[in-house]
PDB file of all heavy atoms in Angstrom:
ATOM      1  N   ASP A   1       0.897  -1.172   0.025  1.00  0.00           N
ATOM      2  CA  ASP A   1      -0.067   0.048  -0.024  1.00  0.00           C
ATOM      3  C   ASP A   1       0.866   1.270  -0.024  1.00  0.00           C
ATOM      4  O   ASP A   1       2.053   1.193   0.498  1.00  0.00           O
ATOM      5  CB  ASP A   1      -0.867  -0.040   1.213  1.00  0.00           C
ATOM      6  CG  ASP A   1      -1.901   1.073   1.286  1.00  0.00           C
ATOM      7  OD1 ASP A   1      -2.297   1.538   0.212  1.00  0.00           O
ATOM      8  OD2 ASP A   1      -2.274   1.571   2.360  1.00  0.00           O
ATOM      9  N   LEU A   2       0.370   2.344  -0.483  1.00  0.00           N
ATOM     10  CA  LEU A   2       1.184   3.584  -0.515  1.00  0.00           C
ATOM     11  C   LEU A   2       1.087   4.318   0.783  1.00  0.00           C
ATOM     12  O   LEU A   2       2.108   4.825   1.297  1.00  0.00           O
ATOM     13  CB  LEU A   2       0.713   4.479  -1.717  1.00  0.00           C
ATOM     14  CG  LEU A   2       1.031   4.063  -3.081  1.00  0.00           C
ATOM     15  CD1 LEU A   2       0.646   5.166  -4.117  1.00  0.00           C
ATOM     16  CD2 LEU A   2       2.572   3.787  -3.215  1.00  0.00           C
ATOM     17  N   MET A   3      -0.080   4.476   1.347  1.00  0.00           N
ATOM     18  CA  MET A   3      -0.239   5.188   2.559  1.00  0.00           C
ATOM     19  C   MET A   3      -0.018   4.373   3.779  1.00  0.00           C
ATOM     20  O   MET A   3      -0.895   3.706   4.246  1.00  0.00           O
ATOM     21  CB  MET A   3      -1.695   5.829   2.582  1.00  0.00           C
ATOM     22  CG  MET A   3      -1.947   6.784   1.460  1.00  0.00           C
ATOM     23  SD  MET A   3      -0.931   8.206   1.411  1.00  0.00           S
ATOM     24  CE  MET A   3      -1.585   9.116   2.869  1.00  0.00           C
ATOM     25  N   LEU A   4       1.263   4.411   4.329  1.00  0.00           N
ATOM     26  CA  LEU A   4       1.578   3.550   5.357  1.00  0.00           C
ATOM     27  C   LEU A   4       2.250   4.313   6.461  1.00  0.00           C
ATOM     28  O   LEU A   4       2.997   5.301   6.213  1.00  0.00           O
ATOM     29  CB  LEU A   4       2.644   2.481   4.936  1.00  0.00           C
ATOM     30  CG  LEU A   4       2.213   1.455   3.851  1.00  0.00           C
ATOM     31  CD1 LEU A   4       3.438   0.717   3.270  1.00  0.00           C
ATOM     32  CD2 LEU A   4       1.251   0.467   4.478  1.00  0.00           C
ATOM     33  N   PRO A   5       2.020   3.940   7.726  1.00  0.00           N
ATOM     34  CA  PRO A   5       2.783   4.562   8.811  1.00  0.00           C
ATOM     35  C   PRO A   5       4.233   4.103   8.900  1.00  0.00           C
ATOM     36  O   PRO A   5       4.575   2.988   8.288  1.00  0.00           O
ATOM     37  CB  PRO A   5       2.069   4.061  10.082  1.00  0.00           C
ATOM     38  CG  PRO A   5       1.443   2.756   9.648  1.00  0.00           C
ATOM     39  CD  PRO A   5       1.104   2.937   8.169  1.00  0.00           C
ATOM     40  N   GLY A   6       5.079   4.847   9.487  1.00  0.00           N
ATOM     41  CA  GLY A   6       6.467   4.510   9.589  1.00  0.00           C
ATOM     42  C   GLY A   6       7.260   4.820   8.416  1.00  0.00           C
ATOM     43  O   GLY A   6       8.274   5.572   8.493  1.00  0.00           O
ATOM     44  N   LEU A   7       6.999   4.260   7.341  1.00  0.00           N
ATOM     45  CA  LEU A   7       7.587   4.470   6.044  1.00  0.00           C
ATOM     46  C   LEU A   7       6.614   4.317   4.898  1.00  0.00           C
ATOM     47  O   LEU A   7       5.989   3.226   4.816  1.00  0.00           O
ATOM     48  CB  LEU A   7       8.774   3.428   5.863  1.00  0.00           C
ATOM     49  CG  LEU A   7       9.602   3.558   4.643  1.00  0.00           C
ATOM     50  CD1 LEU A   7      10.547   4.868   4.692  1.00  0.00           C
ATOM     51  CD2 LEU A   7      10.585   2.346   4.503  1.00  0.00           C
ATOM     52  N   ASP A   8       6.385   5.322   4.143  1.00  0.00           N
ATOM     53  CA  ASP A   8       5.352   5.257   3.142  1.00  0.00           C
ATOM     54  C   ASP A   8       5.755   4.273   2.023  1.00  0.00           C
ATOM     55  O   ASP A   8       6.937   3.924   1.911  1.00  0.00           O
ATOM     56  CB  ASP A   8       5.083   6.642   2.535  1.00  0.00           C
ATOM     57  CG  ASP A   8       6.243   7.164   1.736  1.00  0.00           C
ATOM     58  OD1 ASP A   8       6.319   6.828   0.475  1.00  0.00           O
ATOM     59  OD2 ASP A   8       7.053   7.879   2.316  1.00  0.00           O
ATOM     60  N   GLY A   9       4.742   3.835   1.266  1.00  0.00           N
ATOM     61  CA  GLY A   9       4.930   2.790   0.236  1.00  0.00           C
ATOM     62  C   GLY A   9       6.006   3.130  -0.818  1.00  0.00           C
ATOM     63  O   GLY A   9       6.801   2.301  -1.173  1.00  0.00           O
ATOM     64  N   LEU A  10       5.937   4.351  -1.327  1.00  0.00           N
ATOM     65  CA  LEU A  10       6.952   4.736  -2.373  1.00  0.00           C
ATOM     66  C   LEU A  10       8.304   4.734  -1.770  1.00  0.00           C
ATOM     67  O   LEU A  10       9.284   4.216  -2.501  1.00  0.00           O
ATOM     68  CB  LEU A  10       6.603   6.141  -2.896  1.00  0.00           C
ATOM     69  CG  LEU A  10       5.390   6.253  -3.744  1.00  0.00           C
ATOM     70  CD1 LEU A  10       5.246   7.783  -4.271  1.00  0.00           C
ATOM     71  CD2 LEU A  10       5.416   5.308  -4.936  1.00  0.00           C
ATOM     72  N   SER A  11       8.529   5.173  -0.562  1.00  0.00           N
ATOM     73  CA  SER A  11       9.831   5.155   0.076  1.00  0.00           C
ATOM     74  C   SER A  11      10.301   3.703   0.307  1.00  0.00           C
ATOM     75  O   SER A  11      11.523   3.364   0.101  1.00  0.00           O
ATOM     76  CB  SER A  11       9.817   5.979   1.355  1.00  0.00           C
ATOM     77  OG  SER A  11       9.551   7.304   1.144  1.00  0.00           O
ATOM     78  N   LEU A  12       9.337   2.895   0.697  1.00  0.00           N
ATOM     79  CA  LEU A  12       9.696   1.445   0.910  1.00  0.00           C
ATOM     80  C   LEU A  12      10.111   0.757  -0.388  1.00  0.00           C
ATOM     81  O   LEU A  12      11.164   0.057  -0.378  1.00  0.00           O
ATOM     82  CB  LEU A  12       8.471   0.754   1.516  1.00  0.00           C
ATOM     83  CG  LEU A  12       8.480  -0.770   1.575  1.00  0.00           C
ATOM     84  CD1 LEU A  12       9.717  -1.299   2.346  1.00  0.00           C
ATOM     85  CD2 LEU A  12       7.226  -1.319   2.143  1.00  0.00           C
ATOM     86  N   ILE A  13       9.369   1.017  -1.454  1.00  0.00           N
ATOM     87  CA  ILE A  13       9.745   0.367  -2.683  1.00  0.00           C
ATOM     88  C   ILE A  13      11.072   0.948  -3.226  1.00  0.00           C
ATOM     89  O   ILE A  13      12.028   0.167  -3.668  1.00  0.00           O
ATOM     90  CB  ILE A  13       8.684   0.681  -3.786  1.00  0.00           C
ATOM     91  CG1 ILE A  13       7.392   0.018  -3.344  1.00  0.00           C
ATOM     92  CG2 ILE A  13       9.064   0.207  -5.166  1.00  0.00           C
ATOM     93  CD1 ILE A  13       6.240   0.458  -4.205  1.00  0.00           C
ATOM     94  N   ASP A  14      11.271   2.262  -3.036  1.00  0.00           N
ATOM     95  CA  ASP A  14      12.582   2.835  -3.505  1.00  0.00           C
ATOM     96  C   ASP A  14      13.669   2.367  -2.694  1.00  0.00           C
ATOM     97  O   ASP A  14      14.792   1.985  -3.236  1.00  0.00           O
ATOM     98  CB  ASP A  14      12.504   4.419  -3.346  1.00  0.00           C
ATOM     99  CG  ASP A  14      13.801   5.073  -3.784  1.00  0.00           C
ATOM    100  OD1 ASP A  14      14.037   5.030  -4.948  1.00  0.00           O
ATOM    101  OD2 ASP A  14      14.496   5.662  -2.903  1.00  0.00           O
ATOM    102  N   GLU A  15      13.580   2.013  -1.402  1.00  0.00           N
ATOM    103  CA  GLU A  15      14.565   1.454  -0.582  1.00  0.00           C
ATOM    104  C   GLU A  15      14.872   0.050  -0.981  1.00  0.00           C
ATOM    105  O   GLU A  15      16.074  -0.400  -1.000  1.00  0.00           O
ATOM    106  CB  GLU A  15      14.140   1.493   0.889  1.00  0.00           C
ATOM    107  CG  GLU A  15      15.228   1.076   1.872  1.00  0.00           C
ATOM    108  CD  GLU A  15      16.343   1.930   1.995  1.00  0.00           C
ATOM    109  OE1 GLU A  15      16.229   3.174   1.656  1.00  0.00           O
ATOM    110  OE2 GLU A  15      17.450   1.483   2.515  1.00  0.00           O
ATOM    111  N   LEU A  16      13.869  -0.711  -1.290  1.00  0.00           N
ATOM    112  CA  LEU A  16      14.138  -2.122  -1.789  1.00  0.00           C
ATOM    113  C   LEU A  16      14.932  -2.036  -3.086  1.00  0.00           C
ATOM    114  O   LEU A  16      15.866  -2.872  -3.230  1.00  0.00           O
ATOM    115  CB  LEU A  16      12.755  -2.786  -2.070  1.00  0.00           C
ATOM    116  CG  LEU A  16      11.912  -3.096  -0.791  1.00  0.00           C
ATOM    117  CD1 LEU A  16      10.597  -3.681  -1.219  1.00  0.00           C
ATOM    118  CD2 LEU A  16      12.595  -3.951   0.147  1.00  0.00           C
ATOM    119  N   ARG A  17      14.535  -1.171  -3.979  1.00  0.00           N
ATOM    120  CA  ARG A  17      15.365  -1.136  -5.263  1.00  0.00           C
ATOM    121  C   ARG A  17      16.783  -0.661  -5.054  1.00  0.00           C
ATOM    122  O   ARG A  17      17.710  -1.161  -5.738  1.00  0.00           O
ATOM    123  CB  ARG A  17      14.623  -0.218  -6.276  1.00  0.00           C
ATOM    124  CG  ARG A  17      13.171  -0.725  -6.661  1.00  0.00           C
ATOM    125  CD  ARG A  17      13.097  -2.223  -6.923  1.00  0.00           C
ATOM    126  NE  ARG A  17      11.821  -2.627  -7.352  1.00  0.00           N
ATOM    127  CZ  ARG A  17      11.250  -3.792  -7.110  1.00  0.00           C
ATOM    128  NH1 ARG A  17      11.845  -4.626  -6.327  1.00  0.00           N
ATOM    129  NH2 ARG A  17      10.054  -4.141  -7.562  1.00  0.00           N
ATOM    130  N   GLN A  18      16.907   0.337  -4.121  1.00  0.00           N
ATOM    131  CA  GLN A  18      18.336   0.794  -3.849  1.00  0.00           C
ATOM    132  C   GLN A  18      19.138  -0.318  -3.356  1.00  0.00           C
ATOM    133  O   GLN A  18      20.388  -0.383  -3.526  1.00  0.00           O
ATOM    134  CB  GLN A  18      18.210   1.953  -2.831  1.00  0.00           C
ATOM    135  CG  GLN A  18      17.623   3.259  -3.392  1.00  0.00           C
ATOM    136  CD  GLN A  18      18.523   3.967  -4.348  1.00  0.00           C
ATOM    137  OE1 GLN A  18      19.769   3.762  -4.251  1.00  0.00           O
ATOM    138  NE2 GLN A  18      17.964   4.729  -5.220  1.00  0.00           N
ATOM    139  N   ARG A  19      18.545  -1.274  -2.613  1.00  0.00           N
ATOM    140  CA  ARG A  19      19.237  -2.420  -2.019  1.00  0.00           C
ATOM    141  C   ARG A  19      19.247  -3.623  -2.929  1.00  0.00           C
ATOM    142  O   ARG A  19      19.724  -4.699  -2.609  1.00  0.00           O
ATOM    143  CB  ARG A  19      18.673  -2.817  -0.636  1.00  0.00           C
ATOM    144  CG  ARG A  19      18.736  -1.696   0.366  1.00  0.00           C
ATOM    145  CD  ARG A  19      18.287  -2.135   1.678  1.00  0.00           C
ATOM    146  NE  ARG A  19      18.289  -1.061   2.700  1.00  0.00           N
ATOM    147  CZ  ARG A  19      18.765  -1.250   3.977  1.00  0.00           C
ATOM    148  NH1 ARG A  19      19.247  -2.347   4.410  1.00  0.00           N
ATOM    149  NH2 ARG A  19      18.671  -0.166   4.830  1.00  0.00           N
ATOM    150  N   ARG A  20      18.826  -3.378  -4.193  1.00  0.00           N
ATOM    151  CA  ARG A  20      18.867  -4.407  -5.246  1.00  0.00           C
ATOM    152  C   ARG A  20      17.960  -5.592  -4.886  1.00  0.00           C
ATOM    153  O   ARG A  20      18.393  -6.683  -5.357  1.00  0.00           O
ATOM    154  CB  ARG A  20      20.262  -4.812  -5.593  1.00  0.00           C
ATOM    155  CG  ARG A  20      21.056  -3.594  -6.083  1.00  0.00           C
ATOM    156  CD  ARG A  20      22.481  -4.093  -6.562  1.00  0.00           C
ATOM    157  NE  ARG A  20      23.241  -2.854  -7.080  1.00  0.00           N
ATOM    158  CZ  ARG A  20      24.445  -2.972  -7.580  1.00  0.00           C
ATOM    159  NH1 ARG A  20      25.085  -4.222  -7.624  1.00  0.00           N
ATOM    160  NH2 ARG A  20      25.055  -1.875  -8.041  1.00  0.00           N
ATOM    161  N   ILE A  21      16.911  -5.394  -4.187  1.00  0.00           N
ATOM    162  CA  ILE A  21      15.979  -6.459  -4.006  1.00  0.00           C
ATOM    163  C   ILE A  21      14.962  -6.338  -5.090  1.00  0.00           C
ATOM    164  O   ILE A  21      14.187  -5.463  -5.212  1.00  0.00           O
ATOM    165  CB  ILE A  21      15.234  -6.264  -2.643  1.00  0.00           C
ATOM    166  CG1 ILE A  21      16.354  -6.399  -1.477  1.00  0.00           C
ATOM    167  CG2 ILE A  21      14.143  -7.250  -2.426  1.00  0.00           C
ATOM    168  CD1 ILE A  21      15.783  -6.153  -0.067  1.00  0.00           C
ATOM    169  N   LYS A  22      14.918  -7.410  -5.910  1.00  0.00           N
ATOM    170  CA  LYS A  22      14.142  -7.381  -7.153  1.00  0.00           C
ATOM    171  C   LYS A  22      12.750  -8.023  -7.078  1.00  0.00           C
ATOM    172  O   LYS A  22      12.211  -8.379  -8.084  1.00  0.00           O
ATOM    173  CB  LYS A  22      14.951  -8.052  -8.271  1.00  0.00           C
ATOM    174  CG  LYS A  22      16.284  -7.309  -8.554  1.00  0.00           C
ATOM    175  CD  LYS A  22      17.095  -7.984  -9.677  1.00  0.00           C
ATOM    176  CE  LYS A  22      18.374  -7.270  -9.916  1.00  0.00           C
ATOM    177  NZ  LYS A  22      19.164  -7.967 -11.096  1.00  0.00           N
ATOM    178  N   VAL A  23      12.269  -8.225  -5.888  1.00  0.00           N
ATOM    179  CA  VAL A  23      10.950  -8.794  -5.725  1.00  0.00           C
ATOM    180  C   VAL A  23       9.870  -8.038  -6.521  1.00  0.00           C
ATOM    181  O   VAL A  23       9.853  -6.833  -6.448  1.00  0.00           O
ATOM    182  CB  VAL A  23      10.491  -8.901  -4.241  1.00  0.00           C
ATOM    183  CG1 VAL A  23      10.576  -7.503  -3.601  1.00  0.00           C
ATOM    184  CG2 VAL A  23       9.190  -9.542  -4.065  1.00  0.00           C
ATOM    185  N   PRO A  24       9.039  -8.701  -7.317  1.00  0.00           N
ATOM    186  CA  PRO A  24       8.019  -7.968  -8.094  1.00  0.00           C
ATOM    187  C   PRO A  24       7.044  -7.436  -7.088  1.00  0.00           C
ATOM    188  O   PRO A  24       6.562  -7.980  -6.087  1.00  0.00           O
ATOM    189  CB  PRO A  24       7.316  -9.040  -8.862  1.00  0.00           C
ATOM    190  CG  PRO A  24       8.376 -10.223  -8.939  1.00  0.00           C
ATOM    191  CD  PRO A  24       9.076 -10.157  -7.644  1.00  0.00           C
ATOM    192  N   VAL A  25       6.613  -6.131  -7.327  1.00  0.00           N
ATOM    193  CA  VAL A  25       5.727  -5.369  -6.418  1.00  0.00           C
ATOM    194  C   VAL A  25       4.512  -4.921  -7.156  1.00  0.00           C
ATOM    195  O   VAL A  25       4.503  -4.231  -8.157  1.00  0.00           O
ATOM    196  CB  VAL A  25       6.517  -4.209  -5.892  1.00  0.00           C
ATOM    197  CG1 VAL A  25       5.577  -3.218  -5.084  1.00  0.00           C
ATOM    198  CG2 VAL A  25       7.682  -4.579  -5.011  1.00  0.00           C
ATOM    199  N   ILE A  26       3.349  -5.188  -6.463  1.00  0.00           N
ATOM    200  CA  ILE A  26       2.093  -4.597  -6.887  1.00  0.00           C
ATOM    201  C   ILE A  26       1.730  -3.536  -5.809  1.00  0.00           C
ATOM    202  O   ILE A  26       1.700  -3.795  -4.649  1.00  0.00           O
ATOM    203  CB  ILE A  26       0.957  -5.664  -6.984  1.00  0.00           C
ATOM    204  CG1 ILE A  26       1.230  -6.723  -8.080  1.00  0.00           C
ATOM    205  CG2 ILE A  26      -0.382  -5.042  -7.183  1.00  0.00           C
ATOM    206  CD1 ILE A  26       0.183  -7.732  -8.137  1.00  0.00           C
ATOM    207  N   ILE A  27       1.513  -2.340  -6.319  1.00  0.00           N
ATOM    208  CA  ILE A  27       1.125  -1.167  -5.572  1.00  0.00           C
ATOM    209  C   ILE A  27      -0.414  -1.178  -5.267  1.00  0.00           C
ATOM    210  O   ILE A  27      -1.224  -1.245  -6.357  1.00  0.00           O
ATOM    211  CB  ILE A  27       1.564   0.137  -6.102  1.00  0.00           C
ATOM    212  CG1 ILE A  27       3.136   0.153  -6.140  1.00  0.00           C
ATOM    213  CG2 ILE A  27       1.110   1.329  -5.339  1.00  0.00           C
ATOM    214  CD1 ILE A  27       3.686   1.298  -6.920  1.00  0.00           C
ATOM    215  N   LEU A  28      -0.821  -1.027  -4.059  1.00  0.00           N
ATOM    216  CA  LEU A  28      -2.251  -0.849  -3.811  1.00  0.00           C
ATOM    217  C   LEU A  28      -2.415   0.574  -3.399  1.00  0.00           C
ATOM    218  O   LEU A  28      -1.630   1.165  -2.596  1.00  0.00           O
ATOM    219  CB  LEU A  28      -2.739  -1.696  -2.645  1.00  0.00           C
ATOM    220  CG  LEU A  28      -2.801  -3.221  -2.837  1.00  0.00           C
ATOM    221  CD1 LEU A  28      -3.384  -3.923  -1.659  1.00  0.00           C
ATOM    222  CD2 LEU A  28      -3.696  -3.567  -4.115  1.00  0.00           C
ATOM    223  N   SER A  29      -3.436   1.296  -3.915  1.00  0.00           N
ATOM    224  CA  SER A  29      -3.623   2.721  -3.539  1.00  0.00           C
ATOM    225  C   SER A  29      -5.022   3.196  -4.002  1.00  0.00           C
ATOM    226  O   SER A  29      -5.631   2.644  -4.915  1.00  0.00           O
ATOM    227  CB  SER A  29      -2.689   3.586  -4.262  1.00  0.00           C
ATOM    228  OG  SER A  29      -2.805   5.002  -3.903  1.00  0.00           O
ATOM    229  N   ALA A  30      -5.536   4.124  -3.112  1.00  0.00           N
ATOM    230  CA  ALA A  30      -6.791   4.718  -3.444  1.00  0.00           C
ATOM    231  C   ALA A  30      -6.591   5.890  -4.429  1.00  0.00           C
ATOM    232  O   ALA A  30      -7.547   6.495  -4.946  1.00  0.00           O
ATOM    233  CB  ALA A  30      -7.479   5.280  -2.168  1.00  0.00           C
ATOM    234  N   ARG A  31      -5.302   6.260  -4.663  1.00  0.00           N
ATOM    235  CA  ARG A  31      -4.959   7.336  -5.626  1.00  0.00           C
ATOM    236  C   ARG A  31      -5.177   6.843  -7.051  1.00  0.00           C
ATOM    237  O   ARG A  31      -4.697   5.830  -7.405  1.00  0.00           O
ATOM    238  CB  ARG A  31      -3.514   7.723  -5.408  1.00  0.00           C
ATOM    239  CG  ARG A  31      -3.264   8.309  -4.019  1.00  0.00           C
ATOM    240  CD  ARG A  31      -1.816   8.519  -3.812  1.00  0.00           C
ATOM    241  NE  ARG A  31      -1.460   8.992  -2.481  1.00  0.00           N
ATOM    242  CZ  ARG A  31      -0.264   9.227  -2.086  1.00  0.00           C
ATOM    243  NH1 ARG A  31       0.809   8.983  -2.849  1.00  0.00           N
ATOM    244  NH2 ARG A  31      -0.042   9.674  -0.817  1.00  0.00           N
ATOM    245  N   ARG A  32      -5.969   7.573  -7.838  1.00  0.00           N
ATOM    246  CA  ARG A  32      -6.325   7.135  -9.173  1.00  0.00           C
ATOM    247  C   ARG A  32      -5.691   7.882 -10.327  1.00  0.00           C
ATOM    248  O   ARG A  32      -5.809   7.598 -11.476  1.00  0.00           O
ATOM    249  CB  ARG A  32      -7.781   7.112  -9.264  1.00  0.00           C
ATOM    250  CG  ARG A  32      -8.527   6.144  -8.387  1.00  0.00           C
ATOM    251  CD  ARG A  32     -10.085   6.354  -8.402  1.00  0.00           C
ATOM    252  NE  ARG A  32     -10.681   5.315  -7.577  1.00  0.00           N
ATOM    253  CZ  ARG A  32     -11.075   4.063  -8.081  1.00  0.00           C
ATOM    254  NH1 ARG A  32     -10.798   3.784  -9.370  1.00  0.00           N
ATOM    255  NH2 ARG A  32     -11.648   3.237  -7.280  1.00  0.00           N
ATOM    256  N   SER A  33      -5.076   9.035 -10.065  1.00  0.00           N
ATOM    257  CA  SER A  33      -4.560   9.877 -11.101  1.00  0.00           C
ATOM    258  C   SER A  33      -3.507   9.366 -11.876  1.00  0.00           C
ATOM    259  O   SER A  33      -2.698   8.374 -11.352  1.00  0.00           O
ATOM    260  CB  SER A  33      -4.110  11.271 -10.616  1.00  0.00           C
ATOM    261  OG  SER A  33      -2.866  11.158  -9.914  1.00  0.00           O
ATOM    262  N   VAL A  34      -3.275   9.615 -13.147  1.00  0.00           N
ATOM    263  CA  VAL A  34      -2.242   9.084 -13.982  1.00  0.00           C
ATOM    264  C   VAL A  34      -0.878   9.437 -13.317  1.00  0.00           C
ATOM    265  O   VAL A  34       0.024   8.563 -13.329  1.00  0.00           O
ATOM    266  CB  VAL A  34      -2.313   9.645 -15.367  1.00  0.00           C
ATOM    267  CG1 VAL A  34      -1.088   9.240 -16.218  1.00  0.00           C
ATOM    268  CG2 VAL A  34      -3.579   9.166 -16.100  1.00  0.00           C
ATOM    269  N   ASP A  35      -0.688  10.649 -12.886  1.00  0.00           N
ATOM    270  CA  ASP A  35       0.604  11.102 -12.329  1.00  0.00           C
ATOM    271  C   ASP A  35       0.977  10.205 -11.132  1.00  0.00           C
ATOM    272  O   ASP A  35       2.213   9.862 -10.954  1.00  0.00           O
ATOM    273  CB  ASP A  35       0.559  12.509 -11.901  1.00  0.00           C
ATOM    274  CG  ASP A  35       0.568  13.508 -13.129  1.00  0.00           C
ATOM    275  OD1 ASP A  35       0.840  13.029 -14.237  1.00  0.00           O
ATOM    276  OD2 ASP A  35       0.196  14.668 -12.904  1.00  0.00           O
ATOM    277  N   GLU A  36      -0.038   9.896 -10.292  1.00  0.00           N
ATOM    278  CA  GLU A  36       0.309   9.112  -9.096  1.00  0.00           C
ATOM    279  C   GLU A  36       0.642   7.590  -9.521  1.00  0.00           C
ATOM    280  O   GLU A  36       1.523   7.012  -8.901  1.00  0.00           O
ATOM    281  CB  GLU A  36      -0.940   9.131  -8.125  1.00  0.00           C
ATOM    282  CG  GLU A  36      -1.057  10.473  -7.457  1.00  0.00           C
ATOM    283  CD  GLU A  36      -2.451  10.707  -6.819  1.00  0.00           C
ATOM    284  OE1 GLU A  36      -3.390  10.019  -7.298  1.00  0.00           O
ATOM    285  OE2 GLU A  36      -2.512  11.440  -5.934  1.00  0.00           O
ATOM    286  N   ARG A  37      -0.063   7.141 -10.551  1.00  0.00           N
ATOM    287  CA  ARG A  37       0.303   5.799 -11.000  1.00  0.00           C
ATOM    288  C   ARG A  37       1.723   5.749 -11.540  1.00  0.00           C
ATOM    289  O   ARG A  37       2.499   4.837 -11.357  1.00  0.00           O
ATOM    290  CB  ARG A  37      -0.629   5.338 -11.983  1.00  0.00           C
ATOM    291  CG  ARG A  37      -2.090   4.985 -11.452  1.00  0.00           C
ATOM    292  CD  ARG A  37      -2.930   4.108 -12.322  1.00  0.00           C
ATOM    293  NE  ARG A  37      -3.161   4.672 -13.576  1.00  0.00           N
ATOM    294  CZ  ARG A  37      -4.233   5.483 -13.907  1.00  0.00           C
ATOM    295  NH1 ARG A  37      -5.044   5.849 -12.955  1.00  0.00           N
ATOM    296  NH2 ARG A  37      -4.368   6.003 -15.107  1.00  0.00           N
ATOM    297  N   VAL A  38       2.064   6.802 -12.352  1.00  0.00           N
ATOM    298  CA  VAL A  38       3.352   6.937 -12.959  1.00  0.00           C
ATOM    299  C   VAL A  38       4.410   6.979 -11.849  1.00  0.00           C
ATOM    300  O   VAL A  38       5.528   6.326 -11.918  1.00  0.00           O
ATOM    301  CB  VAL A  38       3.446   8.133 -13.884  1.00  0.00           C
ATOM    302  CG1 VAL A  38       4.867   8.336 -14.288  1.00  0.00           C
ATOM    303  CG2 VAL A  38       2.629   7.811 -15.133  1.00  0.00           C
ATOM    304  N   ALA A  39       4.149   7.796 -10.856  1.00  0.00           N
ATOM    305  CA  ALA A  39       5.149   7.931  -9.775  1.00  0.00           C
ATOM    306  C   ALA A  39       5.439   6.583  -9.086  1.00  0.00           C
ATOM    307  O   ALA A  39       6.466   6.219  -8.739  1.00  0.00           O
ATOM    308  CB  ALA A  39       4.663   8.967  -8.721  1.00  0.00           C
ATOM    309  N   GLY A  40       4.312   5.783  -8.845  1.00  0.00           N
ATOM    310  CA  GLY A  40       4.496   4.483  -8.296  1.00  0.00           C
ATOM    311  C   GLY A  40       5.369   3.569  -9.035  1.00  0.00           C
ATOM    312  O   GLY A  40       6.177   2.837  -8.558  1.00  0.00           O
ATOM    313  N   LEU A  41       5.138   3.614 -10.407  1.00  0.00           N
ATOM    314  CA  LEU A  41       5.847   2.702 -11.272  1.00  0.00           C
ATOM    315  C   LEU A  41       7.329   3.175 -11.399  1.00  0.00           C
ATOM    316  O   LEU A  41       8.204   2.367 -11.448  1.00  0.00           O
ATOM    317  CB  LEU A  41       5.208   2.691 -12.709  1.00  0.00           C
ATOM    318  CG  LEU A  41       3.762   2.021 -12.649  1.00  0.00           C
ATOM    319  CD1 LEU A  41       3.198   2.159 -14.027  1.00  0.00           C
ATOM    320  CD2 LEU A  41       3.793   0.595 -12.214  1.00  0.00           C
ATOM    321  N   GLN A  42       7.475   4.502 -11.411  1.00  0.00           N
ATOM    322  CA  GLN A  42       8.901   5.018 -11.498  1.00  0.00           C
ATOM    323  C   GLN A  42       9.638   4.708 -10.229  1.00  0.00           C
ATOM    324  O   GLN A  42      10.895   4.629 -10.316  1.00  0.00           O
ATOM    325  CB  GLN A  42       8.820   6.511 -11.741  1.00  0.00           C
ATOM    326  CG  GLN A  42       8.368   6.826 -13.230  1.00  0.00           C
ATOM    327  CD  GLN A  42       8.363   8.370 -13.492  1.00  0.00           C
ATOM    328  OE1 GLN A  42       8.176   9.092 -12.542  1.00  0.00           O
ATOM    329  NE2 GLN A  42       8.562   8.719 -14.772  1.00  0.00           N
ATOM    330  N   ALA A  43       8.951   4.609  -9.107  1.00  0.00           N
ATOM    331  CA  ALA A  43       9.635   4.310  -7.858  1.00  0.00           C
ATOM    332  C   ALA A  43      10.203   2.946  -7.820  1.00  0.00           C
ATOM    333  O   ALA A  43      11.020   2.554  -6.943  1.00  0.00           O
ATOM    334  CB  ALA A  43       8.757   4.573  -6.690  1.00  0.00           C
TER     335      ALA A  43
END
């Protein structure tokens, strides 16, 4: 999910990629805009 306590979803995914953890990720979010979806995929 994107809206998380402690560490938000985008930061979590970015941290995983920075550490070269390649687990496939599906993002869950109530955010529907194209820009928000693009941000999630770019992260």
